[in-house]
Amino acid sequence: MQAEVRSGQYVGELVEINGPRMLVKVLAVLKHPEQGDLHNPYNPDVPMFHERRALSYTEKTTVLKRDVKRYSGQVPDYSASLKAATAAEIEALDRLQRWASKGLEQLQQLQKEYK
């Protein structure tokens, strides 16, 4: 099964169902959790910039049923999946940083022209 936990996505094994929640054992990482304040995305100037680590291999976590869906395919190796998920998150942030830098350059140029 695939479970979303605190902005990360994992492949896991169902351990137990308890009402609206499921206990899931983590087997692989599909998406690394996002860093920073989730209530103020992309804002570095917050009182507490959260560091979120990926859940560990075989760590058990409680997940709402609505955040779980069927996973089809081979379960990837945990270590390899963690490295790939971290690399993908770094690549996304690098792309966002380059986009912000380019946008800032253009706005500064426009600001000069507007005077």
N, C-alpha and C. Protein backbone atom coordinates (compact mmCIF):
# COMPACT_ATOMS: atom_id res chain seq x y z
N MET A 1 0.82 -1.17 0.00
CA MET A 1 0.00 0.00 0.00
C MET A 1 0.87 1.24 0.00
N GLN A 2 0.30 2.34 -0.46
CA GLN A 2 0.99 3.62 -0.49
C GLN A 2 0.33 4.52 0.54
N ALA A 3 1.14 5.16 1.38
CA ALA A 3 0.60 5.99 2.44
C ALA A 3 1.26 7.36 2.43
N GLU A 4 0.45 8.39 2.65
CA GLU A 4 0.97 9.74 2.76
C GLU A 4 1.05 10.11 4.24
N VAL A 5 2.24 10.51 4.67
CA VAL A 5 2.47 10.85 6.08
C VAL A 5 3.26 12.14 6.15
N ARG A 6 2.67 13.19 6.71
CA ARG A 6 3.34 14.48 6.92
C ARG A 6 4.16 14.92 5.69
N SER A 7 3.52 15.03 4.59
CA SER A 7 4.05 15.50 3.30
C SER A 7 5.01 14.52 2.62
N GLY A 8 5.24 13.35 3.20
CA GLY A 8 6.04 12.32 2.55
C GLY A 8 5.12 11.23 2.04
N GLN A 9 5.62 10.42 1.12
CA GLN A 9 4.85 9.29 0.61
C GLN A 9 5.69 8.03 0.72
N TYR A 10 5.06 6.96 1.18
CA TYR A 10 5.77 5.73 1.47
C TYR A 10 5.04 4.52 0.91
N VAL A 11 5.80 3.46 0.68
CA VAL A 11 5.22 2.16 0.39
C VAL A 11 5.33 1.39 1.70
N GLY A 12 4.23 0.77 2.10
CA GLY A 12 4.25 0.07 3.37
C GLY A 12 3.39 -1.17 3.37
N GLU A 13 3.45 -1.82 4.49
CA GLU A 13 2.69 -3.05 4.71
C GLU A 13 1.68 -2.79 5.82
N LEU A 14 0.43 -3.18 5.59
CA LEU A 14 -0.61 -3.01 6.60
C LEU A 14 -0.34 -3.94 7.77
N VAL A 15 -0.31 -3.37 8.98
CA VAL A 15 -0.08 -4.16 10.19
C VAL A 15 -1.40 -4.36 10.93
N GLU A 16 -2.20 -3.28 10.99
CA GLU A 16 -3.42 -3.34 11.79
C GLU A 16 -4.38 -2.23 11.36
N ILE A 17 -5.68 -2.51 11.47
CA ILE A 17 -6.71 -1.49 11.23
C ILE A 17 -7.37 -1.20 12.56
N ASN A 18 -7.45 0.10 12.88
CA ASN A 18 -8.03 0.51 14.15
C ASN A 18 -8.99 1.68 13.88
N GLY A 19 -10.24 1.37 13.60
CA GLY A 19 -11.24 2.40 13.31
C GLY A 19 -10.88 3.14 12.03
N PRO A 20 -10.78 4.48 12.10
CA PRO A 20 -10.47 5.25 10.90
C PRO A 20 -8.97 5.29 10.57
N ARG A 21 -8.18 4.60 11.36
CA ARG A 21 -6.73 4.63 11.17
C ARG A 21 -6.17 3.24 10.85
N MET A 22 -5.01 3.28 10.21
CA MET A 22 -4.30 2.04 9.89
C MET A 22 -2.87 2.15 10.41
N LEU A 23 -2.36 1.05 10.91
CA LEU A 23 -0.97 0.99 11.32
C LEU A 23 -0.19 0.41 10.14
N VAL A 24 0.79 1.17 9.65
CA VAL A 24 1.54 0.79 8.46
C VAL A 24 3.01 0.66 8.80
N LYS A 25 3.65 -0.39 8.29
CA LYS A 25 5.09 -0.58 8.44
C LYS A 25 5.76 -0.10 7.16
N VAL A 26 6.68 0.86 7.28
CA VAL A 26 7.35 1.48 6.13
C VAL A 26 8.35 0.52 5.49
N LEU A 27 8.26 0.39 4.16
CA LEU A 27 9.18 -0.47 3.40
C LEU A 27 10.01 0.31 2.39
N ALA A 28 9.50 1.47 1.93
CA ALA A 28 10.22 2.28 0.94
C ALA A 28 9.71 3.71 0.97
N VAL A 29 10.49 4.63 0.43
CA VAL A 29 10.15 6.05 0.37
C VAL A 29 9.88 6.42 -1.08
N LEU A 30 8.69 6.98 -1.35
CA LEU A 30 8.37 7.44 -2.70
C LEU A 30 8.62 8.93 -2.86
N LYS A 31 8.31 9.70 -1.81
CA LYS A 31 8.53 11.15 -1.82
C LYS A 31 9.03 11.55 -0.45
N HIS A 32 10.15 12.26 -0.42
CA HIS A 32 10.71 12.72 0.85
C HIS A 32 9.83 13.83 1.42
N PRO A 33 9.64 13.88 2.74
CA PRO A 33 8.84 14.96 3.33
C PRO A 33 9.44 16.34 3.02
N GLU A 34 8.57 17.32 2.89
CA GLU A 34 8.99 18.69 2.60
C GLU A 34 9.57 19.34 3.86
N GLN A 35 10.49 20.23 3.64
CA GLN A 35 11.12 20.95 4.74
C GLN A 35 10.40 22.29 4.94
N GLY A 36 10.55 22.87 6.11
CA GLY A 36 9.97 24.18 6.38
C GLY A 36 8.60 24.09 7.00
N ASP A 37 7.95 25.24 7.10
CA ASP A 37 6.63 25.36 7.71
C ASP A 37 5.57 25.06 6.66
N LEU A 38 4.85 23.97 6.82
CA LEU A 38 3.85 23.56 5.83
C LEU A 38 2.69 24.56 5.73
N HIS A 39 2.47 25.36 6.78
CA HIS A 39 1.39 26.34 6.76
C HIS A 39 1.82 27.62 6.04
N ASN A 40 3.13 27.78 5.84
CA ASN A 40 3.68 28.92 5.11
C ASN A 40 4.68 28.40 4.08
N PRO A 41 4.19 27.70 3.04
CA PRO A 41 5.10 27.09 2.08
C PRO A 41 5.97 28.13 1.37
N TYR A 42 7.21 27.74 1.14
CA TYR A 42 8.20 28.55 0.43
C TYR A 42 8.54 29.85 1.15
N ASN A 43 8.26 29.92 2.43
CA ASN A 43 8.61 31.10 3.21
C ASN A 43 9.75 30.72 4.15
N PRO A 44 10.96 31.24 3.90
CA PRO A 44 12.09 30.91 4.77
C PRO A 44 12.10 31.72 6.06
N ASP A 45 11.30 32.78 6.11
CA ASP A 45 11.31 33.69 7.26
C ASP A 45 10.18 33.38 8.24
N VAL A 46 10.19 32.18 8.75
CA VAL A 46 9.19 31.75 9.73
C VAL A 46 9.89 31.52 11.07
N PRO A 47 9.15 31.59 12.16
CA PRO A 47 9.79 31.39 13.47
C PRO A 47 10.49 30.04 13.61
N MET A 48 9.91 28.98 13.00
CA MET A 48 10.54 27.66 13.11
C MET A 48 10.50 26.98 11.74
N PHE A 49 11.67 26.82 11.14
CA PHE A 49 11.79 26.15 9.84
C PHE A 49 12.01 24.67 10.14
N HIS A 50 10.98 23.86 9.93
CA HIS A 50 11.01 22.45 10.33
C HIS A 50 11.90 21.58 9.45
N GLU A 51 12.66 20.72 10.11
CA GLU A 51 13.40 19.67 9.41
C GLU A 51 12.55 18.41 9.53
N ARG A 52 12.23 17.80 8.41
CA ARG A 52 11.46 16.57 8.43
C ARG A 52 12.28 15.45 7.82
N ARG A 53 12.54 14.44 8.63
CA ARG A 53 13.26 13.25 8.17
C ARG A 53 12.26 12.26 7.61
N ALA A 54 12.71 11.46 6.70
CA ALA A 54 11.87 10.38 6.19
C ALA A 54 11.70 9.34 7.29
N LEU A 55 10.58 8.64 7.27
CA LEU A 55 10.38 7.56 8.22
C LEU A 55 11.39 6.45 7.94
N SER A 56 11.82 5.77 8.98
CA SER A 56 12.84 4.72 8.86
C SER A 56 12.26 3.42 8.30
N TYR A 57 13.17 2.59 7.82
CA TYR A 57 12.79 1.27 7.32
C TYR A 57 12.15 0.47 8.45
N THR A 58 11.02 -0.10 8.21
CA THR A 58 10.18 -0.89 9.12
C THR A 58 9.59 -0.08 10.28
N GLU A 59 9.75 1.23 10.25
CA GLU A 59 9.10 2.07 11.27
C GLU A 59 7.60 1.95 11.09
N LYS A 60 6.89 1.86 12.19
CA LYS A 60 5.44 1.76 12.13
C LYS A 60 4.85 3.14 12.41
N THR A 61 3.85 3.49 11.61
CA THR A 61 3.21 4.79 11.76
C THR A 61 1.70 4.64 11.57
N THR A 62 0.96 5.48 12.25
CA THR A 62 -0.49 5.47 12.14
C THR A 62 -0.91 6.44 11.04
N VAL A 63 -1.77 5.98 10.15
CA VAL A 63 -2.19 6.77 8.99
C VAL A 63 -3.71 6.70 8.89
N LEU A 64 -4.33 7.83 8.56
CA LEU A 64 -5.77 7.81 8.31
C LEU A 64 -6.04 7.00 7.05
N LYS A 65 -7.16 6.27 7.04
CA LYS A 65 -7.51 5.43 5.88
C LYS A 65 -7.56 6.25 4.60
N ARG A 66 -8.00 7.50 4.69
CA ARG A 66 -8.12 8.35 3.49
C ARG A 66 -6.76 8.67 2.86
N ASP A 67 -5.68 8.51 3.65
CA ASP A 67 -4.34 8.81 3.15
C ASP A 67 -3.60 7.57 2.66
N VAL A 68 -4.36 6.48 2.50
CA VAL A 68 -3.77 5.21 2.05
C VAL A 68 -4.44 4.78 0.76
N LYS A 69 -3.63 4.31 -0.20
CA LYS A 69 -4.19 3.76 -1.43
C LYS A 69 -3.36 2.56 -1.86
N ARG A 70 -3.93 1.82 -2.77
CA ARG A 70 -3.27 0.61 -3.25
C ARG A 70 -1.99 0.99 -4.00
N TYR A 71 -0.95 0.22 -3.79
CA TYR A 71 0.31 0.40 -4.50
C TYR A 71 0.51 -0.81 -5.39
N SER A 72 0.67 -0.54 -6.67
CA SER A 72 0.91 -1.66 -7.59
C SER A 72 2.35 -1.55 -8.07
N GLY A 73 2.98 -2.66 -8.14
CA GLY A 73 4.36 -2.67 -8.59
C GLY A 73 5.28 -3.28 -7.54
N GLN A 74 6.52 -3.39 -7.93
CA GLN A 74 7.54 -3.96 -7.06
C GLN A 74 7.88 -2.96 -5.96
N VAL A 75 8.00 -3.42 -4.73
CA VAL A 75 8.41 -2.55 -3.63
C VAL A 75 9.91 -2.30 -3.77
N PRO A 76 10.29 -1.02 -3.91
CA PRO A 76 11.71 -0.72 -4.08
C PRO A 76 12.50 -0.96 -2.80
N ASP A 77 13.80 -1.13 -2.94
CA ASP A 77 14.70 -1.24 -1.80
C ASP A 77 14.64 0.07 -1.02
N TYR A 78 14.57 -0.01 0.31
CA TYR A 78 14.42 1.19 1.14
C TYR A 78 15.56 2.18 0.90
N SER A 79 16.80 1.73 1.00
CA SER A 79 17.96 2.63 0.86
C SER A 79 17.96 3.33 -0.49
N ALA A 80 17.75 2.58 -1.54
CA ALA A 80 17.74 3.15 -2.89
C ALA A 80 16.57 4.13 -3.03
N SER A 81 15.41 3.79 -2.48
CA SER A 81 14.24 4.66 -2.60
C SER A 81 14.44 5.94 -1.81
N LEU A 82 15.09 5.86 -0.65
CA LEU A 82 15.37 7.05 0.16
C LEU A 82 16.32 7.98 -0.59
N LYS A 83 17.37 7.42 -1.19
CA LYS A 83 18.33 8.23 -1.96
C LYS A 83 17.64 8.89 -3.14
N ALA A 84 16.80 8.15 -3.86
CA ALA A 84 16.10 8.69 -5.02
C ALA A 84 15.11 9.78 -4.60
N ALA A 85 14.38 9.57 -3.51
CA ALA A 85 13.40 10.55 -3.04
C ALA A 85 14.09 11.83 -2.58
N THR A 86 15.22 11.69 -1.90
CA THR A 86 15.98 12.86 -1.45
C THR A 86 16.52 13.62 -2.66
N ALA A 87 17.07 12.91 -3.63
CA ALA A 87 17.60 13.55 -4.84
C ALA A 87 16.49 14.29 -5.59
N ALA A 88 15.31 13.69 -5.68
CA ALA A 88 14.19 14.33 -6.38
C ALA A 88 13.76 15.60 -5.66
N GLU A 89 13.76 15.58 -4.34
CA GLU A 89 13.37 16.77 -3.55
C GLU A 89 14.42 17.87 -3.73
N ILE A 90 15.69 17.50 -3.74
CA ILE A 90 16.77 18.47 -3.95
C ILE A 90 16.65 19.08 -5.34
N GLU A 91 16.40 18.25 -6.34
CA GLU A 91 16.25 18.73 -7.71
C GLU A 91 15.08 19.70 -7.84
N ALA A 92 13.96 19.39 -7.19
CA ALA A 92 12.79 20.27 -7.22
C ALA A 92 13.09 21.61 -6.56
N LEU A 93 13.79 21.58 -5.43
CA LEU A 93 14.13 22.83 -4.74
C LEU A 93 15.15 23.63 -5.55
N ASP A 94 16.10 22.95 -6.18
CA ASP A 94 17.07 23.64 -7.02
C ASP A 94 16.37 24.33 -8.19
N ARG A 95 15.43 23.64 -8.80
CA ARG A 95 14.68 24.22 -9.92
C ARG A 95 13.87 25.43 -9.45
N LEU A 96 13.25 25.32 -8.29
CA LEU A 96 12.49 26.42 -7.72
C LEU A 96 13.41 27.61 -7.42
N GLN A 97 14.58 27.32 -6.90
CA GLN A 97 15.55 28.37 -6.57
C GLN A 97 16.01 29.09 -7.85
N ARG A 98 16.29 28.31 -8.90
CA ARG A 98 16.70 28.91 -10.17
C ARG A 98 15.58 29.75 -10.77
N TRP A 99 14.33 29.26 -10.66
CA TRP A 99 13.16 29.99 -11.15
C TRP A 99 13.01 31.31 -10.40
N ALA A 100 13.14 31.26 -9.07
CA ALA A 100 13.01 32.47 -8.25
C ALA A 100 14.11 33.47 -8.59
N SER A 101 15.32 32.99 -8.79
CA SER A 101 16.45 33.85 -9.13
C SER A 101 16.23 34.54 -10.47
N LYS A 102 15.78 33.79 -11.45
CA LYS A 102 15.54 34.35 -12.78
C LYS A 102 14.38 35.36 -12.73
N GLY A 103 13.32 35.02 -12.00
CA GLY A 103 12.20 35.94 -11.84
C GLY A 103 12.62 37.23 -11.14
N LEU A 104 13.47 37.10 -10.13
CA LEU A 104 13.97 38.27 -9.40
C LEU A 104 14.79 39.17 -10.32
N GLU A 105 15.66 38.55 -11.13
CA GLU A 105 16.46 39.33 -12.09
C GLU A 105 15.56 40.12 -13.03
N GLN A 106 14.55 39.46 -13.57
CA GLN A 106 13.66 40.14 -14.52
C GLN A 106 12.88 41.26 -13.85
N LEU A 107 12.40 41.02 -12.63
CA LEU A 107 11.65 42.07 -11.93
C LEU A 107 12.55 43.26 -11.58
N GLN A 108 13.80 43.00 -11.23
CA GLN A 108 14.72 44.09 -10.93
C GLN A 108 15.00 44.91 -12.19
N GLN A 109 15.12 44.24 -13.34
CA GLN A 109 15.30 44.94 -14.60
C GLN A 109 14.07 45.78 -14.94
N LEU A 110 12.90 45.20 -14.75
CA LEU A 110 11.67 45.95 -15.01
C LEU A 110 11.54 47.14 -14.07
N GLN A 111 11.94 46.96 -12.84
CA GLN A 111 11.87 48.04 -11.86
C GLN A 111 12.73 49.23 -12.31
N LYS A 112 13.89 48.94 -12.87
CA LYS A 112 14.75 50.01 -13.40
C LYS A 112 14.06 50.72 -14.56
N GLU A 113 13.41 49.96 -15.42
CA GLU A 113 12.72 50.55 -16.57
C GLU A 113 11.50 51.36 -16.16
N TYR A 114 10.84 50.97 -15.07
CA TYR A 114 9.64 51.65 -14.62
C TYR A 114 9.93 53.03 -14.03
N LYS A 115 11.17 53.30 -13.62
CA LYS A 115 11.48 54.59 -12.98
C LYS A 115 11.47 55.72 -13.95
